[in-house]
Amino acid sequence: IKYGILIDPVQWFTVFLNKPTESPSILILLGLTVVPL
């Protein structure tokens, strides 16, 4: 009643997948897969 509906169900994906090739978080994850080598 006070704030209305604030829910955005796609926000999880926009945080990680907005321009994934330029996202620092995605690049860090890809780098982690090389460390075991």
All heavy atoms as atom14 arrays in JSON, in Angstrom:
{
  "sequence": "IKYGILIDPVQWFTVFLNKPTESPSILILLGLTVVPL",
  "atom14_mask": [
    [1, 1, 1, 1, 1, 1, 1, 1, 0, 0, 0, 0, 0, 0],
    [1, 1, 1, 1, 1, 1, 1, 1, 1, 0, 0, 0, 0, 0],
    [1, 1, 1, 1, 1, 1, 1, 1, 1, 1, 1, 1, 0, 0],
    [1, 1, 1, 1, 0, 0, 0, 0, 0, 0, 0, 0, 0, 0],
    [1, 1, 1, 1, 1, 1, 1, 1, 0, 0, 0, 0, 0, 0],
    [1, 1, 1, 1, 1, 1, 1, 1, 0, 0, 0, 0, 0, 0],
    [1, 1, 1, 1, 1, 1, 1, 1, 0, 0, 0, 0, 0, 0],
    [1, 1, 1, 1, 1, 1, 1, 1, 0, 0, 0, 0, 0, 0],
    [1, 1, 1, 1, 1, 1, 1, 0, 0, 0, 0, 0, 0, 0],
    [1, 1, 1, 1, 1, 1, 1, 0, 0, 0, 0, 0, 0, 0],
    [1, 1, 1, 1, 1, 1, 1, 1, 1, 0, 0, 0, 0, 0],
    [1, 1, 1, 1, 1, 1, 1, 1, 1, 1, 1, 1, 1, 1],
    [1, 1, 1, 1, 1, 1, 1, 1, 1, 1, 1, 0, 0, 0],
    [1, 1, 1, 1, 1, 1, 1, 0, 0, 0, 0, 0, 0, 0],
    [1, 1, 1, 1, 1, 1, 1, 0, 0, 0, 0, 0, 0, 0],
    [1, 1, 1, 1, 1, 1, 1, 1, 1, 1, 1, 0, 0, 0],
    [1, 1, 1, 1, 1, 1, 1, 1, 0, 0, 0, 0, 0, 0],
    [1, 1, 1, 1, 1, 1, 1, 1, 0, 0, 0, 0, 0, 0],
    [1, 1, 1, 1, 1, 1, 1, 1, 1, 0, 0, 0, 0, 0],
    [1, 1, 1, 1, 1, 1, 1, 0, 0, 0, 0, 0, 0, 0],
    [1, 1, 1, 1, 1, 1, 1, 0, 0, 0, 0, 0, 0, 0],
    [1, 1, 1, 1, 1, 1, 1, 1, 1, 0, 0, 0, 0, 0],
    [1, 1, 1, 1, 1, 1, 0, 0, 0, 0, 0, 0, 0, 0],
    [1, 1, 1, 1, 1, 1, 1, 0, 0, 0, 0, 0, 0, 0],
    [1, 1, 1, 1, 1, 1, 0, 0, 0, 0, 0, 0, 0, 0],
    [1, 1, 1, 1, 1, 1, 1, 1, 0, 0, 0, 0, 0, 0],
    [1, 1, 1, 1, 1, 1, 1, 1, 0, 0, 0, 0, 0, 0],
    [1, 1, 1, 1, 1, 1, 1, 1, 0, 0, 0, 0, 0, 0],
    [1, 1, 1, 1, 1, 1, 1, 1, 0, 0, 0, 0, 0, 0],
    [1, 1, 1, 1, 1, 1, 1, 1, 0, 0, 0, 0, 0, 0],
    [1, 1, 1, 1, 0, 0, 0, 0, 0, 0, 0, 0, 0, 0],
    [1, 1, 1, 1, 1, 1, 1, 1, 0, 0, 0, 0, 0, 0],
    [1, 1, 1, 1, 1, 1, 1, 0, 0, 0, 0, 0, 0, 0],
    [1, 1, 1, 1, 1, 1, 1, 0, 0, 0, 0, 0, 0, 0],
    [1, 1, 1, 1, 1, 1, 1, 0, 0, 0, 0, 0, 0, 0],
    [1, 1, 1, 1, 1, 1, 1, 0, 0, 0, 0, 0, 0, 0],
    [1, 1, 1, 1, 1, 1, 1, 1, 0, 0, 0, 0, 0, 0]
  ],
  "atom14_positions": [
    [[0.83, -1.2, 0.0], [0.0, 0.0, 0.0], [0.86, 1.25, 0.0], [0.56, 2.25, -0.67], [-0.95, -0.02, 1.21], [-1.98, -1.15, 1.07], [-1.67, 1.32, 1.37], [-2.84, -1.34, 2.3], [0.0, 0.0, 0.0], [0.0, 0.0, 0.0], [0.0, 0.0, 0.0], [0.0, 0.0, 0.0], [0.0, 0.0, 0.0], [0.0, 0.0, 0.0]],
    [[1.98, 1.22, 0.74], [2.83, 2.4, 0.88], [3.73, 2.63, -0.32], [3.9, 3.78, -0.77], [3.68, 2.25, 2.15], [4.53, 3.47, 2.47], [5.24, 3.28, 3.8], [6.08, 4.52, 4.17], [6.78, 4.33, 5.47], [0.0, 0.0, 0.0], [0.0, 0.0, 0.0], [0.0, 0.0, 0.0], [0.0, 0.0, 0.0], [0.0, 0.0, 0.0]],
    [[4.32, 1.56, -0.88], [5.32, 1.71, -1.94], [4.84, 1.24, -3.3], [5.52, 1.51, -4.3], [6.6, 0.96, -1.57], [7.22, 1.38, -0.27], [7.17, 0.55, 0.84], [7.86, 2.6, -0.14], [7.75, 0.92, 2.04], [8.44, 3.0, 1.05], [8.38, 2.15, 2.15], [8.94, 2.53, 3.33], [0.0, 0.0, 0.0], [0.0, 0.0, 0.0]],
    [[3.74, 0.52, -3.37], [3.34, -0.08, -4.62], [4.15, -1.33, -4.91], [4.89, -1.83, -4.06], [0.0, 0.0, 0.0], [0.0, 0.0, 0.0], [0.0, 0.0, 0.0], [0.0, 0.0, 0.0], [0.0, 0.0, 0.0], [0.0, 0.0, 0.0], [0.0, 0.0, 0.0], [0.0, 0.0, 0.0], [0.0, 0.0, 0.0], [0.0, 0.0, 0.0]],
    [[4.03, -1.87, -6.12], [4.77, -3.07, -6.51], [6.14, -2.65, -7.05], [6.25, -1.96, -8.06], [4.01, -3.87, -7.59], [2.63, -4.28, -7.07], [4.83, -5.09, -8.0], [2.66, -5.22, -5.89], [0.0, 0.0, 0.0], [0.0, 0.0, 0.0], [0.0, 0.0, 0.0], [0.0, 0.0, 0.0], [0.0, 0.0, 0.0], [0.0, 0.0, 0.0]],
    [[7.19, -3.06, -6.35], [8.56, -2.72, -6.72], [9.3, -3.88, -7.37], [10.47, -3.75, -7.71], [9.34, -2.26, -5.48], [8.73, -1.08, -4.69], [9.56, -0.83, -3.43], [8.66, 0.17, -5.54], [0.0, 0.0, 0.0], [0.0, 0.0, 0.0], [0.0, 0.0, 0.0], [0.0, 0.0, 0.0], [0.0, 0.0, 0.0], [0.0, 0.0, 0.0]],
    [[8.65, -5.0, -7.54], [9.31, -6.23, -7.97], [9.63, -6.17, -9.46], [8.78, -5.83, -10.28], [8.41, -7.46, -7.67], [8.2, -7.58, -6.15], [9.02, -8.72, -8.24], [7.19, -8.63, -5.78], [0.0, 0.0, 0.0], [0.0, 0.0, 0.0], [0.0, 0.0, 0.0], [0.0, 0.0, 0.0], [0.0, 0.0, 0.0], [0.0, 0.0, 0.0]],
    [[10.89, -6.49, -9.79], [11.34, -6.61, -11.18], [11.99, -7.98, -11.34], [13.16, -8.18, -10.98], [12.33, -5.5, -11.5], [12.83, -5.57, -12.94], [12.3, -6.39, -13.7], [13.76, -4.81, -13.29], [0.0, 0.0, 0.0], [0.0, 0.0, 0.0], [0.0, 0.0, 0.0], [0.0, 0.0, 0.0], [0.0, 0.0, 0.0], [0.0, 0.0, 0.0]],
    [[11.26, -8.98, -11.86], [11.77, -10.35, -11.87], [12.97, -10.59, -12.77], [13.63, -11.62, -12.65], [10.55, -11.17, -12.36], [9.72, -10.19, -13.1], [9.91, -8.87, -12.43], [0.0, 0.0, 0.0], [0.0, 0.0, 0.0], [0.0, 0.0, 0.0], [0.0, 0.0, 0.0], [0.0, 0.0, 0.0], [0.0, 0.0, 0.0], [0.0, 0.0, 0.0]],
    [[13.27, -9.68, -13.68], [14.4, -9.91, -14.59], [15.66, -9.2, -14.12], [16.68, -9.23, -14.81], [14.05, -9.43, -16.02], [12.87, -10.21, -16.56], [13.78, -7.94, -16.04], [0.0, 0.0, 0.0], [0.0, 0.0, 0.0], [0.0, 0.0, 0.0], [0.0, 0.0, 0.0], [0.0, 0.0, 0.0], [0.0, 0.0, 0.0], [0.0, 0.0, 0.0]],
    [[15.61, -8.57, -12.93], [16.77, -7.8, -12.48], [17.98, -8.68, -12.22], [19.12, -8.27, -12.43], [16.43, -7.0, -11.23], [17.52, -6.01, -10.82], [17.1, -5.15, -9.66], [16.05, -5.35, -9.05], [17.93, -4.17, -9.33], [0.0, 0.0, 0.0], [0.0, 0.0, 0.0], [0.0, 0.0, 0.0], [0.0, 0.0, 0.0], [0.0, 0.0, 0.0]],
    [[17.75, -9.93, -11.73], [18.87, -10.85, -11.52], [19.69, -10.99, -12.79], [20.92, -11.02, -12.78], [18.36, -12.23, -11.11], [18.1, -12.45, -9.66], [17.03, -13.09, -9.13], [18.92, -12.08, -8.53], [17.12, -13.13, -7.76], [18.27, -12.52, -7.37], [20.12, -11.41, -8.41], [18.77, -12.33, -6.1], [20.63, -11.21, -7.14], [19.96, -11.67, -6.01]],
    [[18.96, -11.13, -13.91], [19.66, -11.43, -15.17], [20.33, -10.2, -15.75], [21.4, -10.3, -16.35], [18.66, -12.03, -16.17], [17.94, -13.24, -15.65], [16.66, -13.15, -15.13], [18.57, -14.48, -15.66], [16.01, -14.26, -14.65], [17.92, -15.6, -15.17], [16.64, -15.5, -14.66], [0.0, 0.0, 0.0], [0.0, 0.0, 0.0], [0.0, 0.0, 0.0]],
    [[19.72, -9.02, -15.57], [20.32, -7.81, -16.12], [21.62, -7.46, -15.39], [22.53, -6.86, -15.97], [19.34, -6.63, -16.03], [18.98, -6.43, -14.65], [18.1, -6.9, -16.85], [0.0, 0.0, 0.0], [0.0, 0.0, 0.0], [0.0, 0.0, 0.0], [0.0, 0.0, 0.0], [0.0, 0.0, 0.0], [0.0, 0.0, 0.0], [0.0, 0.0, 0.0]],
    [[21.69, -7.82, -14.1], [22.92, -7.53, -13.35], [24.11, -8.27, -13.94], [25.22, -7.74, -14.06], [22.74, -7.9, -11.86], [24.07, -7.89, -11.14], [21.76, -6.93, -11.2], [0.0, 0.0, 0.0], [0.0, 0.0, 0.0], [0.0, 0.0, 0.0], [0.0, 0.0, 0.0], [0.0, 0.0, 0.0], [0.0, 0.0, 0.0], [0.0, 0.0, 0.0]],
    [[23.89, -9.54, -14.38], [25.01, -10.35, -14.86], [25.14, -10.38, -16.38], [26.24, -10.51, -16.89], [24.83, -11.8, -14.35], [24.96, -11.95, -12.87], [23.84, -11.91, -12.06], [26.2, -12.09, -12.28], [23.95, -12.04, -10.68], [26.33, -12.22, -10.9], [25.2, -12.19, -10.11], [0.0, 0.0, 0.0], [0.0, 0.0, 0.0], [0.0, 0.0, 0.0]],
    [[23.99, -10.26, -17.08], [23.99, -10.52, -18.51], [23.87, -9.28, -19.37], [23.7, -9.37, -20.57], [22.85, -11.49, -18.85], [22.91, -12.85, -18.14], [21.74, -13.72, -18.55], [24.23, -13.54, -18.42], [0.0, 0.0, 0.0], [0.0, 0.0, 0.0], [0.0, 0.0, 0.0], [0.0, 0.0, 0.0], [0.0, 0.0, 0.0], [0.0, 0.0, 0.0]],
    [[23.9, -8.09, -18.79], [23.89, -6.87, -19.57], [25.27, -6.68, -20.2], [26.26, -6.4, -19.51], [23.53, -5.68, -18.69], [23.36, -4.41, -19.49], [23.14, -4.45, -20.7], [23.45, -3.27, -18.81], [0.0, 0.0, 0.0], [0.0, 0.0, 0.0], [0.0, 0.0, 0.0], [0.0, 0.0, 0.0], [0.0, 0.0, 0.0], [0.0, 0.0, 0.0]],
    [[25.37, -6.88, -21.53], [26.66, -6.86, -22.23], [27.64, -7.83, -21.57], [28.66, -7.43, -20.99], [27.25, -5.46, -22.25], [26.4, -4.44, -22.99], [27.06, -3.08, -22.98], [26.22, -2.06, -23.72], [26.85, -0.71, -23.7], [0.0, 0.0, 0.0], [0.0, 0.0, 0.0], [0.0, 0.0, 0.0], [0.0, 0.0, 0.0], [0.0, 0.0, 0.0]],
    [[27.34, -9.14, -21.63], [28.17, -10.11, -20.89], [29.63, -10.12, -21.3], [30.5, -10.39, -20.48], [27.48, -11.46, -21.21], [26.69, -11.21, -22.45], [26.26, -9.77, -22.38], [0.0, 0.0, 0.0], [0.0, 0.0, 0.0], [0.0, 0.0, 0.0], [0.0, 0.0, 0.0], [0.0, 0.0, 0.0], [0.0, 0.0, 0.0], [0.0, 0.0, 0.0]],
    [[29.92, -9.8, -22.59], [31.33, -9.81, -23.01], [32.11, -8.65, -22.41], [33.34, -8.68, -22.38], [31.4, -9.74, -24.55], [30.7, -8.57, -25.0], [30.78, -10.97, -25.18], [0.0, 0.0, 0.0], [0.0, 0.0, 0.0], [0.0, 0.0, 0.0], [0.0, 0.0, 0.0], [0.0, 0.0, 0.0], [0.0, 0.0, 0.0], [0.0, 0.0, 0.0]],
    [[31.4, -7.62, -21.93], [32.05, -6.48, -21.32], [31.88, -6.46, -19.8], [32.41, -5.57, -19.14], [31.48, -5.18, -21.91], [31.63, -5.08, -23.42], [30.97, -3.84, -23.97], [30.54, -2.99, -23.16], [30.88, -3.71, -25.21], [0.0, 0.0, 0.0], [0.0, 0.0, 0.0], [0.0, 0.0, 0.0], [0.0, 0.0, 0.0], [0.0, 0.0, 0.0]],
    [[31.14, -7.42, -19.26], [30.87, -7.43, -17.83], [32.09, -7.91, -17.06], [32.59, -9.02, -17.32], [29.67, -8.33, -17.52], [29.5, -8.46, -16.13], [0.0, 0.0, 0.0], [0.0, 0.0, 0.0], [0.0, 0.0, 0.0], [0.0, 0.0, 0.0], [0.0, 0.0, 0.0], [0.0, 0.0, 0.0], [0.0, 0.0, 0.0], [0.0, 0.0, 0.0]],
    [[32.61, -7.13, -16.12], [33.78, -7.58, -15.34], [33.5, -8.87, -14.57], [34.39, -9.71, -14.43], [34.04, -6.41, -14.39], [33.4, -5.23, -15.04], [32.21, -5.76, -15.76], [0.0, 0.0, 0.0], [0.0, 0.0, 0.0], [0.0, 0.0, 0.0], [0.0, 0.0, 0.0], [0.0, 0.0, 0.0], [0.0, 0.0, 0.0], [0.0, 0.0, 0.0]],
    [[32.27, -9.03, -14.07], [31.96, -10.22, -13.28], [32.04, -11.48, -14.14], [32.58, -12.51, -13.7], [30.56, -10.09, -12.67], [29.58, -9.89, -13.66], [0.0, 0.0, 0.0], [0.0, 0.0, 0.0], [0.0, 0.0, 0.0], [0.0, 0.0, 0.0], [0.0, 0.0, 0.0], [0.0, 0.0, 0.0], [0.0, 0.0, 0.0], [0.0, 0.0, 0.0]],
    [[31.53, -11.4, -15.39], [31.61, -12.56, -16.28], [33.06, -12.86, -16.64], [33.48, -14.03, -16.7], [30.77, -12.32, -17.54], [29.3, -12.1, -17.18], [30.91, -13.48, -18.51], [28.65, -13.28, -16.52], [0.0, 0.0, 0.0], [0.0, 0.0, 0.0], [0.0, 0.0, 0.0], [0.0, 0.0, 0.0], [0.0, 0.0, 0.0], [0.0, 0.0, 0.0]],
    [[33.84, -11.83, -16.88], [35.25, -12.03, -17.22], [36.02, -12.67, -16.07], [36.9, -13.51, -16.29], [35.88, -10.7, -17.61], [35.32, -10.03, -18.88], [35.99, -8.69, -19.12], [35.49, -10.94, -20.09], [0.0, 0.0, 0.0], [0.0, 0.0, 0.0], [0.0, 0.0, 0.0], [0.0, 0.0, 0.0], [0.0, 0.0, 0.0], [0.0, 0.0, 0.0]],
    [[35.69, -12.28, -14.83], [36.35, -12.89, -13.67], [36.0, -14.37, -13.58], [36.86, -15.22, -13.31], [35.95, -12.15, -12.38], [36.52, -10.73, -12.38], [36.46, -12.91, -11.14], [36.06, -9.88, -11.23], [0.0, 0.0, 0.0], [0.0, 0.0, 0.0], [0.0, 0.0, 0.0], [0.0, 0.0, 0.0], [0.0, 0.0, 0.0], [0.0, 0.0, 0.0]],
    [[34.73, -14.7, -13.8], [34.31, -16.1, -13.76], [35.02, -16.92, -14.82], [35.44, -18.06, -14.57], [32.79, -16.2, -13.94], [31.92, -15.77, -12.76], [30.45, -15.86, -13.13], [32.21, -16.63, -11.53], [0.0, 0.0, 0.0], [0.0, 0.0, 0.0], [0.0, 0.0, 0.0], [0.0, 0.0, 0.0], [0.0, 0.0, 0.0], [0.0, 0.0, 0.0]],
    [[35.15, -16.37, -16.02], [35.87, -17.09, -17.08], [37.34, -17.29, -16.71], [37.93, -18.35, -16.98], [35.76, -16.32, -18.4], [34.36, -16.25, -19.02], [34.36, -15.38, -20.27], [33.84, -17.64, -19.34], [0.0, 0.0, 0.0], [0.0, 0.0, 0.0], [0.0, 0.0, 0.0], [0.0, 0.0, 0.0], [0.0, 0.0, 0.0], [0.0, 0.0, 0.0]],
    [[37.92, -16.28, -16.07], [39.31, -16.42, -15.64], [39.49, -17.51, -14.58], [40.54, -18.18, -14.54], [0.0, 0.0, 0.0], [0.0, 0.0, 0.0], [0.0, 0.0, 0.0], [0.0, 0.0, 0.0], [0.0, 0.0, 0.0], [0.0, 0.0, 0.0], [0.0, 0.0, 0.0], [0.0, 0.0, 0.0], [0.0, 0.0, 0.0], [0.0, 0.0, 0.0]],
    [[38.47, -17.7, -13.74], [38.58, -18.72, -12.69], [38.68, -20.13, -13.27], [39.26, -21.02, -12.64], [37.36, -18.65, -11.76], [37.32, -17.47, -10.79], [36.03, -17.52, -9.97], [38.51, -17.48, -9.85], [0.0, 0.0, 0.0], [0.0, 0.0, 0.0], [0.0, 0.0, 0.0], [0.0, 0.0, 0.0], [0.0, 0.0, 0.0], [0.0, 0.0, 0.0]],
    [[38.09, -20.35, -14.44], [38.15, -21.69, -15.04], [39.55, -22.03, -15.56], [39.84, -23.2, -15.82], [37.14, -21.78, -16.2], [37.48, -20.81, -17.21], [35.73, -21.51, -15.7], [0.0, 0.0, 0.0], [0.0, 0.0, 0.0], [0.0, 0.0, 0.0], [0.0, 0.0, 0.0], [0.0, 0.0, 0.0], [0.0, 0.0, 0.0], [0.0, 0.0, 0.0]],
    [[40.4, -21.01, -15.73], [41.76, -21.25, -16.23], [42.72, -21.6, -15.09], [43.7, -22.32, -15.29], [42.27, -19.99, -16.98], [43.69, -20.21, -17.5], [41.33, -19.65, -18.13], [0.0, 0.0, 0.0], [0.0, 0.0, 0.0], [0.0, 0.0, 0.0], [0.0, 0.0, 0.0], [0.0, 0.0, 0.0], [0.0, 0.0, 0.0], [0.0, 0.0, 0.0]],
    [[42.41, -21.11, -13.89], [43.33, -21.3, -12.75], [43.62, -22.77, -12.47], [44.78, -23.14, -12.22], [42.77, -20.59, -11.5], [43.67, -20.83, -10.3], [42.63, -19.1, -11.75], [0.0, 0.0, 0.0], [0.0, 0.0, 0.0], [0.0, 0.0, 0.0], [0.0, 0.0, 0.0], [0.0, 0.0, 0.0], [0.0, 0.0, 0.0], [0.0, 0.0, 0.0]],
    [[42.61, -23.69, -12.51], [42.94, -25.1, -12.26], [43.94, -25.67, -13.26], [44.68, -26.61, -12.92], [41.58, -25.8, -12.39], [40.59, -24.74, -12.04], [41.15, -23.48, -12.59], [0.0, 0.0, 0.0], [0.0, 0.0, 0.0], [0.0, 0.0, 0.0], [0.0, 0.0, 0.0], [0.0, 0.0, 0.0], [0.0, 0.0, 0.0], [0.0, 0.0, 0.0]],
    [[43.98, -25.13, -14.47], [44.98, -25.6, -15.44], [46.39, -25.32, -14.93], [47.28, -26.18, -15.03], [44.76, -24.9, -16.78], [43.59, -25.37, -17.64], [43.47, -24.5, -18.88], [43.76, -26.82, -18.03], [0.0, 0.0, 0.0], [0.0, 0.0, 0.0], [0.0, 0.0, 0.0], [0.0, 0.0, 0.0], [0.0, 0.0, 0.0], [0.0, 0.0, 0.0]]
  ]
}
